[in-house]
Amino acid sequence: MILFAWANSKEAAASSALFIVVNSISGLLGSLDKPILLNETSYGWLIAIVAGGLIGSYVGSHKFQYKTVQYVLAAVLTVACVKLIFS
């Protein structure tokens, strides 16, 4: 999106967040044929996930400057590319 100038860094970050949510939901729906096993740490992880998402979206949209969002997005995309290449 950024490469083709379809969006700026903040818009691309928001779009990637939506993609991650949709991808995660589809992964969860695909595993519904297996029993869901929750243990005592599952609820802590769920709280951490929601809190991290809320904090990250607030900080990214209200506190970070435009250049900071570009650097964070570049770092996240780099990690994703390295993970894709080596796994």
C-alpha atoms as a PDB file:
ATOM      1  CA  MET A   1       0.000   0.000   0.000  1.00  0.00           C
ATOM      2  CA  ILE A   2       2.782   2.385   0.881  1.00  0.00           C
ATOM      3  CA  LEU A   3       4.897   1.267  -2.069  1.00  0.00           C
ATOM      4  CA  PHE A   4       2.161   2.164  -4.547  1.00  0.00           C
ATOM      5  CA  ALA A   5       1.219   5.345  -2.604  1.00  0.00           C
ATOM      6  CA  TRP A   6      -2.267   4.035  -1.886  1.00  0.00           C
ATOM      7  CA  ALA A   7      -1.962   4.906   1.806  1.00  0.00           C
ATOM      8  CA  ASN A   8       0.286   6.646   4.286  1.00  0.00           C
ATOM      9  CA  SER A   9       1.952   4.842   7.194  1.00  0.00           C
ATOM     10  CA  LYS A  10      -0.899   5.280   9.657  1.00  0.00           C
ATOM     11  CA  GLU A  11      -3.474   4.048   7.148  1.00  0.00           C
ATOM     12  CA  ALA A  12      -1.290   1.062   6.255  1.00  0.00           C
ATOM     13  CA  ALA A  13      -0.828   0.231   9.944  1.00  0.00           C
ATOM     14  CA  ALA A  14      -4.595   0.382  10.480  1.00  0.00           C
ATOM     15  CA  SER A  15      -5.182  -1.839   7.448  1.00  0.00           C
ATOM     16  CA  SER A  16      -2.622  -4.346   8.636  1.00  0.00           C
ATOM     17  CA  ALA A  17      -4.308  -4.460  12.043  1.00  0.00           C
ATOM     18  CA  LEU A  18      -7.623  -5.252  10.355  1.00  0.00           C
ATOM     19  CA  PHE A  19      -5.935  -7.945   8.253  1.00  0.00           C
ATOM     20  CA  ILE A  20      -4.419  -9.518  11.380  1.00  0.00           C
ATOM     21  CA  VAL A  21      -7.808  -9.613  13.128  1.00  0.00           C
ATOM     22  CA  VAL A  22      -9.559 -11.158  10.115  1.00  0.00           C
ATOM     23  CA  ASN A  23      -6.718 -13.653   9.641  1.00  0.00           C
ATOM     24  CA  SER A  24      -6.812 -14.634  13.318  1.00  0.00           C
ATOM     25  CA  ILE A  25     -10.581 -15.089  13.283  1.00  0.00           C
ATOM     26  CA  SER A  26     -10.383 -17.268  10.172  1.00  0.00           C
ATOM     27  CA  GLY A  27      -7.679 -19.369  11.828  1.00  0.00           C
ATOM     28  CA  LEU A  28      -9.833 -19.821  14.911  1.00  0.00           C
ATOM     29  CA  LEU A  29     -12.864 -20.732  12.816  1.00  0.00           C
ATOM     30  CA  GLY A  30     -10.775 -23.266  10.919  1.00  0.00           C
ATOM     31  CA  SER A  31      -9.857 -25.012  14.153  1.00  0.00           C
ATOM     32  CA  LEU A  32     -13.412 -25.328  15.490  1.00  0.00           C
ATOM     33  CA  ASP A  33     -13.472 -29.028  14.622  1.00  0.00           C
ATOM     34  CA  LYS A  34     -11.081 -29.637  17.520  1.00  0.00           C
ATOM     35  CA  PRO A  35     -11.991 -29.142  21.181  1.00  0.00           C
ATOM     36  CA  ILE A  36     -10.946 -25.824  22.678  1.00  0.00           C
ATOM     37  CA  LEU A  37      -8.741 -26.382  25.706  1.00  0.00           C
ATOM     38  CA  LEU A  38      -8.405 -23.414  28.011  1.00  0.00           C
ATOM     39  CA  ASN A  39      -6.250 -23.443  31.103  1.00  0.00           C
ATOM     40  CA  GLU A  40      -5.680 -20.879  33.841  1.00  0.00           C
ATOM     41  CA  THR A  41      -3.165 -18.908  31.748  1.00  0.00           C
ATOM     42  CA  SER A  42      -5.488 -18.607  28.731  1.00  0.00           C
ATOM     43  CA  TYR A  43      -7.531 -15.825  30.304  1.00  0.00           C
ATOM     44  CA  GLY A  44      -4.398 -13.870  31.194  1.00  0.00           C
ATOM     45  CA  TRP A  45      -3.217 -14.120  27.587  1.00  0.00           C
ATOM     46  CA  LEU A  46      -6.619 -12.974  26.356  1.00  0.00           C
ATOM     47  CA  ILE A  47      -6.509  -9.917  28.627  1.00  0.00           C
ATOM     48  CA  ALA A  48      -2.933  -9.153  27.507  1.00  0.00           C
ATOM     49  CA  ILE A  49      -3.928  -9.413  23.838  1.00  0.00           C
ATOM     50  CA  VAL A  50      -6.887  -7.059  24.191  1.00  0.00           C
ATOM     51  CA  ALA A  51      -4.919  -4.597  26.346  1.00  0.00           C
ATOM     52  CA  GLY A  52      -1.972  -4.640  23.936  1.00  0.00           C
ATOM     53  CA  GLY A  53      -4.242  -4.016  20.977  1.00  0.00           C
ATOM     54  CA  LEU A  54      -6.006  -1.130  22.673  1.00  0.00           C
ATOM     55  CA  ILE A  55      -2.799   0.464  23.929  1.00  0.00           C
ATOM     56  CA  GLY A  56      -1.041  -0.014  20.593  1.00  0.00           C
ATOM     57  CA  SER A  57      -3.876   1.494  18.585  1.00  0.00           C
ATOM     58  CA  TYR A  58      -4.156   4.478  20.930  1.00  0.00           C
ATOM     59  CA  VAL A  59      -0.421   5.151  20.998  1.00  0.00           C
ATOM     60  CA  GLY A  60      -0.095   4.680  17.242  1.00  0.00           C
ATOM     61  CA  SER A  61      -2.931   7.021  16.397  1.00  0.00           C
ATOM     62  CA  HIS A  62      -2.573   9.697  19.094  1.00  0.00           C
ATOM     63  CA  LYS A  63       0.896   9.716  20.625  1.00  0.00           C
ATOM     64  CA  PHE A  64       3.418   8.631  17.984  1.00  0.00           C
ATOM     65  CA  GLN A  65       4.577  11.081  15.383  1.00  0.00           C
ATOM     66  CA  TYR A  66       4.222  10.181  11.715  1.00  0.00           C
ATOM     67  CA  LYS A  67       7.913   9.263  11.400  1.00  0.00           C
ATOM     68  CA  THR A  68       7.744   6.988  14.463  1.00  0.00           C
ATOM     69  CA  VAL A  69       4.807   5.094  12.949  1.00  0.00           C
ATOM     70  CA  GLN A  70       6.879   4.630   9.781  1.00  0.00           C
ATOM     71  CA  TYR A  71       9.797   3.146  11.755  1.00  0.00           C
ATOM     72  CA  VAL A  72       7.566   0.850  13.812  1.00  0.00           C
ATOM     73  CA  LEU A  73       5.733  -0.328  10.704  1.00  0.00           C
ATOM     74  CA  ALA A  74       9.052  -0.970   8.954  1.00  0.00           C
ATOM     75  CA  ALA A  75      10.284  -3.006  11.914  1.00  0.00           C
ATOM     76  CA  VAL A  76       7.095  -5.087  12.037  1.00  0.00           C
ATOM     77  CA  LEU A  77       7.209  -5.737   8.299  1.00  0.00           C
ATOM     78  CA  THR A  78      10.883  -6.695   8.505  1.00  0.00           C
ATOM     79  CA  VAL A  79      10.201  -9.214  11.266  1.00  0.00           C
ATOM     80  CA  ALA A  80       7.289 -10.644   9.261  1.00  0.00           C
ATOM     81  CA  CYS A  81       9.458 -10.978   6.138  1.00  0.00           C
ATOM     82  CA  VAL A  82      12.286 -12.683   8.032  1.00  0.00           C
ATOM     83  CA  LYS A  83       9.809 -15.065   9.657  1.00  0.00           C
ATOM     84  CA  LEU A  84       8.250 -15.846   6.269  1.00  0.00           C
ATOM     85  CA  ILE A  85      11.636 -16.523   4.680  1.00  0.00           C
ATOM     86  CA  PHE A  86      12.997 -18.762   7.455  1.00  0.00           C
ATOM     87  CA  SER A  87       9.901 -20.784   8.323  1.00  0.00           C
END
